[in-house]
Amino acid sequence: MAKFKFKKGDTVEIIAGDDKGAKAEVLQVMPKKNKVIVKGCKIAKKAVKPTEDNPKGGFLNKEMPIDSSNVRKVEA
């Protein structure tokens, strides 16, 4: 398996997709799936059922994984 070039906390730039040009921090790395989760990019609304923590339920905005080929590391 090849070495993964991103790690949690790195600053990256989105080079493809709806958030193209955005610069943000990596929140999570998934080397086996070749994906990263970037803070504030590729937001999706997820329906949530009511629980004790969230009694009303409703919608939750969540960052979704982005393929690592669509991000570029930026030197801070």
C-alpha atoms as a PDB file:
ATOM      1  CA  MET A   1       0.000   0.000   0.000  1.00  0.00           C
ATOM      2  CA  ALA A   2       1.351   3.423  -0.940  1.00  0.00           C
ATOM      3  CA  LYS A   3       2.056   6.071   1.676  1.00  0.00           C
ATOM      4  CA  PHE A   4      -0.849   8.488   2.186  1.00  0.00           C
ATOM      5  CA  LYS A   5       0.175  12.131   1.688  1.00  0.00           C
ATOM      6  CA  PHE A   6      -2.347  13.820   4.024  1.00  0.00           C
ATOM      7  CA  LYS A   7      -2.729  13.766   7.787  1.00  0.00           C
ATOM      8  CA  LYS A   8      -5.211  15.204  10.254  1.00  0.00           C
ATOM      9  CA  GLY A   9      -4.706  18.945  10.747  1.00  0.00           C
ATOM     10  CA  ASP A  10      -3.099  19.634   7.344  1.00  0.00           C
ATOM     11  CA  THR A  11      -4.330  22.610   5.337  1.00  0.00           C
ATOM     12  CA  VAL A  12      -5.565  21.597   1.897  1.00  0.00           C
ATOM     13  CA  GLU A  13      -7.131  23.270  -1.144  1.00  0.00           C
ATOM     14  CA  ILE A  14     -10.061  21.699  -2.994  1.00  0.00           C
ATOM     15  CA  ILE A  15      -9.126  21.437  -6.688  1.00  0.00           C
ATOM     16  CA  ALA A  16     -12.328  19.824  -8.058  1.00  0.00           C
ATOM     17  CA  GLY A  17     -16.036  19.812  -7.299  1.00  0.00           C
ATOM     18  CA  ASP A  18     -18.543  22.319  -5.914  1.00  0.00           C
ATOM     19  CA  ASP A  19     -16.103  23.700  -3.306  1.00  0.00           C
ATOM     20  CA  LYS A  20     -13.272  24.249  -5.814  1.00  0.00           C
ATOM     21  CA  GLY A  21     -10.758  26.817  -4.574  1.00  0.00           C
ATOM     22  CA  ALA A  22     -11.682  26.500  -0.894  1.00  0.00           C
ATOM     23  CA  LYS A  23      -8.852  26.113   1.625  1.00  0.00           C
ATOM     24  CA  ALA A  24      -9.582  24.292   4.863  1.00  0.00           C
ATOM     25  CA  GLU A  25      -8.280  21.846   7.465  1.00  0.00           C
ATOM     26  CA  VAL A  26      -8.397  18.056   7.214  1.00  0.00           C
ATOM     27  CA  LEU A  27     -10.615  16.607   9.964  1.00  0.00           C
ATOM     28  CA  GLN A  28     -10.270  12.896   9.188  1.00  0.00           C
ATOM     29  CA  VAL A  29      -8.186  10.686   6.889  1.00  0.00           C
ATOM     30  CA  MET A  30      -9.337   7.339   5.457  1.00  0.00           C
ATOM     31  CA  PRO A  31      -6.283   5.825   3.701  1.00  0.00           C
ATOM     32  CA  LYS A  32      -7.950   2.484   2.865  1.00  0.00           C
ATOM     33  CA  LYS A  33     -10.767   4.283   1.007  1.00  0.00           C
ATOM     34  CA  ASN A  34      -8.361   6.969  -0.326  1.00  0.00           C
ATOM     35  CA  LYS A  35     -10.593   9.752   1.032  1.00  0.00           C
ATOM     36  CA  VAL A  36     -10.371  12.730   3.392  1.00  0.00           C
ATOM     37  CA  ILE A  37     -12.964  14.784   5.281  1.00  0.00           C
ATOM     38  CA  VAL A  38     -12.336  18.529   5.007  1.00  0.00           C
ATOM     39  CA  LYS A  39     -13.813  21.067   7.435  1.00  0.00           C
ATOM     40  CA  GLY A  40     -16.742  22.980   5.927  1.00  0.00           C
ATOM     41  CA  CYS A  41     -16.553  21.355   2.476  1.00  0.00           C
ATOM     42  CA  LYS A  42     -19.005  18.986   0.752  1.00  0.00           C
ATOM     43  CA  ILE A  43     -21.762  19.582   3.307  1.00  0.00           C
ATOM     44  CA  ALA A  44     -24.787  17.265   3.177  1.00  0.00           C
ATOM     45  CA  LYS A  45     -28.020  17.437   5.154  1.00  0.00           C
ATOM     46  CA  LYS A  46     -28.720  14.246   7.080  1.00  0.00           C
ATOM     47  CA  ALA A  47     -32.128  13.454   8.598  1.00  0.00           C
ATOM     48  CA  VAL A  48     -31.827  12.602  12.299  1.00  0.00           C
ATOM     49  CA  LYS A  49     -34.409  10.775  14.395  1.00  0.00           C
ATOM     50  CA  PRO A  50     -35.281  12.163  17.832  1.00  0.00           C
ATOM     51  CA  THR A  51     -33.034  10.901  20.637  1.00  0.00           C
ATOM     52  CA  GLU A  52     -32.399  11.863  24.266  1.00  0.00           C
ATOM     53  CA  ASP A  53     -29.591  14.208  23.189  1.00  0.00           C
ATOM     54  CA  ASN A  54     -31.648  15.719  20.347  1.00  0.00           C
ATOM     55  CA  PRO A  55     -35.332  15.499  21.379  1.00  0.00           C
ATOM     56  CA  LYS A  56     -36.729  17.234  18.268  1.00  0.00           C
ATOM     57  CA  GLY A  57     -34.707  15.361  15.648  1.00  0.00           C
ATOM     58  CA  GLY A  58     -34.611  17.172  12.307  1.00  0.00           C
ATOM     59  CA  PHE A  59     -31.677  17.781   9.973  1.00  0.00           C
ATOM     60  CA  LEU A  60     -27.940  17.812  10.656  1.00  0.00           C
ATOM     61  CA  ASN A  61     -25.304  19.375   8.383  1.00  0.00           C
ATOM     62  CA  LYS A  62     -22.406  16.946   7.997  1.00  0.00           C
ATOM     63  CA  GLU A  63     -19.113  16.967   6.057  1.00  0.00           C
ATOM     64  CA  MET A  64     -18.846  14.097   3.592  1.00  0.00           C
ATOM     65  CA  PRO A  65     -15.634  12.383   2.376  1.00  0.00           C
ATOM     66  CA  ILE A  66     -13.768  13.765  -0.645  1.00  0.00           C
ATOM     67  CA  ASP A  67     -11.468  11.660  -2.809  1.00  0.00           C
ATOM     68  CA  SER A  68      -7.829  12.509  -2.075  1.00  0.00           C
ATOM     69  CA  SER A  69      -7.170  13.162  -5.778  1.00  0.00           C
ATOM     70  CA  ASN A  70      -9.462  16.211  -5.531  1.00  0.00           C
ATOM     71  CA  VAL A  71      -7.433  17.957  -2.818  1.00  0.00           C
ATOM     72  CA  ARG A  72      -3.954  19.484  -2.804  1.00  0.00           C
ATOM     73  CA  LYS A  73      -1.772  20.130   0.230  1.00  0.00           C
ATOM     74  CA  VAL A  74      -1.103  23.831   0.889  1.00  0.00           C
ATOM     75  CA  GLU A  75       1.985  25.009   2.727  1.00  0.00           C
ATOM     76  CA  ALA A  76       0.939  27.289   5.585  1.00  0.00           C
END
